[in-house]
């Protein structure tokens, strides 16, 4: 009886080892699928981040052009202190900074609308 018990326990051990190996193979396949999905999600997130950045850059540029055109209307060109080239450069730089900061703070919603329209076509 002892030999029979040893043989049956050996057979049980082999079956257990085969089950573990099958589970490892299944896990390996699952891991491959999971890695593919994660890479796909990472790529999609990267694309979404790039689209968001481009939309914000466009909104910032749009606001900058709007400020520039608003400043181009001078009602009082012959003021008390004449305006020089340095002031023009300063106001252009100021408009760029204001446009960038306005976009960072949420802007006027143009970047959000562009982002939503452009990401509709992603998965």
C-alpha atoms as a PDB file:
ATOM      1  CA  UNK A   1       0.000   0.000   0.000  1.00  0.00           C
ATOM      2  CA  UNK A   2       2.809   2.333   0.633  1.00  0.00           C
ATOM      3  CA  UNK A   3       4.021   2.084  -2.964  1.00  0.00           C
ATOM      4  CA  UNK A   4       0.514   2.820  -4.197  1.00  0.00           C
ATOM      5  CA  UNK A   5       0.316   5.842  -1.917  1.00  0.00           C
ATOM      6  CA  UNK A   6       3.694   7.075  -3.134  1.00  0.00           C
ATOM      7  CA  UNK A   7       2.693   6.622  -6.775  1.00  0.00           C
ATOM      8  CA  UNK A   8      -0.642   8.380  -6.279  1.00  0.00           C
ATOM      9  CA  UNK A   9       1.014  11.242  -4.413  1.00  0.00           C
ATOM     10  CA  UNK A  10       3.579  11.513  -7.234  1.00  0.00           C
ATOM     11  CA  UNK A  11       0.762  11.634  -9.775  1.00  0.00           C
ATOM     12  CA  UNK A  12      -1.019  14.274  -7.684  1.00  0.00           C
ATOM     13  CA  UNK A  13       2.210  16.277  -7.502  1.00  0.00           C
ATOM     14  CA  UNK A  14       2.653  16.103 -11.274  1.00  0.00           C
ATOM     15  CA  UNK A  15      -0.944  17.200 -11.793  1.00  0.00           C
ATOM     16  CA  UNK A  16      -0.443  20.080  -9.347  1.00  0.00           C
ATOM     17  CA  UNK A  17       2.745  21.131 -11.141  1.00  0.00           C
ATOM     18  CA  UNK A  18       0.959  21.020 -14.496  1.00  0.00           C
ATOM     19  CA  UNK A  19      -1.876  23.135 -13.085  1.00  0.00           C
ATOM     20  CA  UNK A  20       0.618  25.700 -11.791  1.00  0.00           C
ATOM     21  CA  UNK A  21       2.363  25.775 -15.175  1.00  0.00           C
ATOM     22  CA  UNK A  22      -0.974  26.216 -16.965  1.00  0.00           C
ATOM     23  CA  UNK A  23      -1.870  29.059 -14.629  1.00  0.00           C
ATOM     24  CA  UNK A  24       1.527  30.651 -15.230  1.00  0.00           C
ATOM     25  CA  UNK A  25       0.951  30.417 -18.998  1.00  0.00           C
ATOM     26  CA  UNK A  26      -2.523  31.911 -18.631  1.00  0.00           C
ATOM     27  CA  UNK A  27      -1.104  34.654 -16.435  1.00  0.00           C
ATOM     28  CA  UNK A  28       1.608  35.327 -19.021  1.00  0.00           C
ATOM     29  CA  UNK A  29      -1.026  35.684 -21.743  1.00  0.00           C
ATOM     30  CA  UNK A  30      -3.108  37.902 -19.494  1.00  0.00           C
ATOM     31  CA  UNK A  31      -0.045  40.006 -18.722  1.00  0.00           C
ATOM     32  CA  UNK A  32       0.674  40.447 -22.443  1.00  0.00           C
ATOM     33  CA  UNK A  33      -2.888  41.606 -23.100  1.00  0.00           C
ATOM     34  CA  UNK A  34      -2.760  43.897 -20.082  1.00  0.00           C
ATOM     35  CA  UNK A  35       0.550  45.388 -21.239  1.00  0.00           C
ATOM     36  CA  UNK A  36      -0.886  46.030 -24.719  1.00  0.00           C
ATOM     37  CA  UNK A  37      -3.945  47.744 -23.257  1.00  0.00           C
ATOM     38  CA  UNK A  38      -1.817  49.804 -20.874  1.00  0.00           C
ATOM     39  CA  UNK A  39       0.494  50.879 -23.709  1.00  0.00           C
ATOM     40  CA  UNK A  40      -2.530  51.776 -25.800  1.00  0.00           C
ATOM     41  CA  UNK A  41      -4.005  53.787 -22.922  1.00  0.00           C
ATOM     42  CA  UNK A  42      -0.659  55.488 -22.336  1.00  0.00           C
ATOM     43  CA  UNK A  43      -0.441  56.426 -26.014  1.00  0.00           C
ATOM     44  CA  UNK A  44      -3.994  57.735 -25.958  1.00  0.00           C
ATOM     45  CA  UNK A  45      -3.278  59.744 -22.808  1.00  0.00           C
ATOM     46  CA  UNK A  46      -0.145  61.114 -24.454  1.00  0.00           C
ATOM     47  CA  UNK A  47      -2.151  62.080 -27.553  1.00  0.00           C
ATOM     48  CA  UNK A  48      -4.787  63.724 -25.394  1.00  0.00           C
ATOM     49  CA  UNK A  49      -2.109  65.672 -23.515  1.00  0.00           C
ATOM     50  CA  UNK A  50      -0.610  66.869 -26.799  1.00  0.00           C
ATOM     51  CA  UNK A  51      -4.035  67.888 -28.096  1.00  0.00           C
ATOM     52  CA  UNK A  52      -4.729  69.755 -24.844  1.00  0.00           C
ATOM     53  CA  UNK A  53      -1.401  71.570 -25.061  1.00  0.00           C
ATOM     54  CA  UNK A  54      -2.010  72.553 -28.694  1.00  0.00           C
ATOM     55  CA  UNK A  55      -5.516  73.816 -27.871  1.00  0.00           C
ATOM     56  CA  UNK A  56      -4.163  75.915 -25.003  1.00  0.00           C
ATOM     57  CA  UNK A  57      -1.385  77.301 -27.202  1.00  0.00           C
ATOM     58  CA  UNK A  58      -3.953  78.269 -29.831  1.00  0.00           C
ATOM     59  CA  UNK A  59      -6.143  79.984 -27.243  1.00  0.00           C
ATOM     60  CA  UNK A  60      -3.133  81.866 -25.887  1.00  0.00           C
ATOM     61  CA  UNK A  61      -2.160  82.977 -29.403  1.00  0.00           C
ATOM     62  CA  UNK A  62      -5.757  84.003 -30.121  1.00  0.00           C
ATOM     63  CA  UNK A  63      -5.946  86.083 -26.922  1.00  0.00           C
ATOM     64  CA  UNK A  64      -2.582  87.662 -27.682  1.00  0.00           C
ATOM     65  CA  UNK A  65      -3.795  88.711 -31.145  1.00  0.00           C
ATOM     66  CA  UNK A  66      -7.009  90.034 -29.625  1.00  0.00           C
ATOM     67  CA  UNK A  67      -5.079  92.141 -27.082  1.00  0.00           C
ATOM     68  CA  UNK A  68      -2.712  93.368 -29.791  1.00  0.00           C
ATOM     69  CA  UNK A  69      -5.613  94.501 -31.970  1.00  0.00           C
ATOM     70  CA  UNK A  70      -7.330  96.145 -29.024  1.00  0.00           C
ATOM     71  CA  UNK A  71      -4.156  98.107 -28.231  1.00  0.00           C
ATOM     72  CA  UNK A  72      -3.733  99.129 -31.865  1.00  0.00           C
ATOM     73  CA  UNK A  73      -6.721 101.464 -31.459  1.00  0.00           C
ATOM     74  CA  UNK A  74      -5.072 104.532 -29.966  1.00  0.00           C
ATOM     75  CA  UNK A  75      -7.527 107.217 -28.993  1.00  0.00           C
ATOM     76  CA  UNK A  76      -4.876 109.436 -27.480  1.00  0.00           C
ATOM     77  CA  UNK A  77      -1.727 109.195 -29.590  1.00  0.00           C
ATOM     78  CA  UNK A  78      -0.486 112.636 -28.627  1.00  0.00           C
ATOM     79  CA  UNK A  79      -0.500 112.136 -24.887  1.00  0.00           C
ATOM     80  CA  UNK A  80       1.430 114.036 -22.243  1.00  0.00           C
ATOM     81  CA  UNK A  81       4.413 111.678 -22.557  1.00  0.00           C
ATOM     82  CA  UNK A  82       5.263 110.525 -26.074  1.00  0.00           C
ATOM     83  CA  UNK A  83       5.247 106.780 -26.559  1.00  0.00           C
ATOM     84  CA  UNK A  84       8.441 105.170 -27.747  1.00  0.00           C
ATOM     85  CA  UNK A  85       9.628 101.887 -29.152  1.00  0.00           C
ATOM     86  CA  UNK A  86      10.451 100.549 -25.677  1.00  0.00           C
ATOM     87  CA  UNK A  87       6.860 101.031 -24.520  1.00  0.00           C
ATOM     88  CA  UNK A  88       5.556  99.256 -27.614  1.00  0.00           C
ATOM     89  CA  UNK A  89       7.854  96.282 -26.943  1.00  0.00           C
ATOM     90  CA  UNK A  90       6.852  96.264 -23.264  1.00  0.00           C
ATOM     91  CA  UNK A  91       3.138  96.238 -24.042  1.00  0.00           C
ATOM     92  CA  UNK A  92       3.591  93.421 -26.589  1.00  0.00           C
ATOM     93  CA  UNK A  93       5.433  91.343 -24.002  1.00  0.00           C
ATOM     94  CA  UNK A  94       2.819  92.203 -21.390  1.00  0.00           C
ATOM     95  CA  UNK A  95       0.034  91.086 -23.729  1.00  0.00           C
ATOM     96  CA  UNK A  96       1.802  87.759 -24.322  1.00  0.00           C
ATOM     97  CA  UNK A  97       2.152  87.157 -20.584  1.00  0.00           C
ATOM     98  CA  UNK A  98      -1.450  88.146 -19.888  1.00  0.00           C
ATOM     99  CA  UNK A  99      -2.671  85.814 -22.655  1.00  0.00           C
ATOM    100  CA  UNK A 100      -0.564  82.924 -21.305  1.00  0.00           C
ATOM    101  CA  UNK A 101      -1.707  83.468 -17.716  1.00  0.00           C
ATOM    102  CA  UNK A 102      -5.348  83.811 -18.784  1.00  0.00           C
ATOM    103  CA  UNK A 103      -5.118  80.509 -20.645  1.00  0.00           C
ATOM    104  CA  UNK A 104      -3.472  78.801 -17.659  1.00  0.00           C
ATOM    105  CA  UNK A 105      -6.322  80.017 -15.437  1.00  0.00           C
ATOM    106  CA  UNK A 106      -8.976  78.539 -17.721  1.00  0.00           C
ATOM    107  CA  UNK A 107      -9.108  81.167 -20.436  1.00  0.00           C
ATOM    108  CA  UNK A 108     -12.367  81.882 -22.203  1.00  0.00           C
ATOM    109  CA  UNK A 109     -13.227  78.274 -22.967  1.00  0.00           C
ATOM    110  CA  UNK A 110     -11.823  78.200 -26.487  1.00  0.00           C
ATOM    111  CA  UNK A 111      -9.172  75.606 -25.585  1.00  0.00           C
ATOM    112  CA  UNK A 112     -11.829  73.437 -23.904  1.00  0.00           C
ATOM    113  CA  UNK A 113     -14.066  73.515 -26.970  1.00  0.00           C
ATOM    114  CA  UNK A 114     -11.167  72.724 -29.310  1.00  0.00           C
ATOM    115  CA  UNK A 115     -10.025  69.881 -27.066  1.00  0.00           C
ATOM    116  CA  UNK A 116     -13.506  68.353 -26.905  1.00  0.00           C
ATOM    117  CA  UNK A 117     -13.972  68.537 -30.660  1.00  0.00           C
ATOM    118  CA  UNK A 118     -10.559  67.095 -31.433  1.00  0.00           C
ATOM    119  CA  UNK A 119     -10.769  64.232 -28.925  1.00  0.00           C
ATOM    120  CA  UNK A 120     -14.213  63.087 -30.084  1.00  0.00           C
ATOM    121  CA  UNK A 121     -12.542  61.073 -32.811  1.00  0.00           C
ATOM    122  CA  UNK A 122     -10.158  59.208 -30.510  1.00  0.00           C
ATOM    123  CA  UNK A 123     -11.178  55.808 -29.144  1.00  0.00           C
END
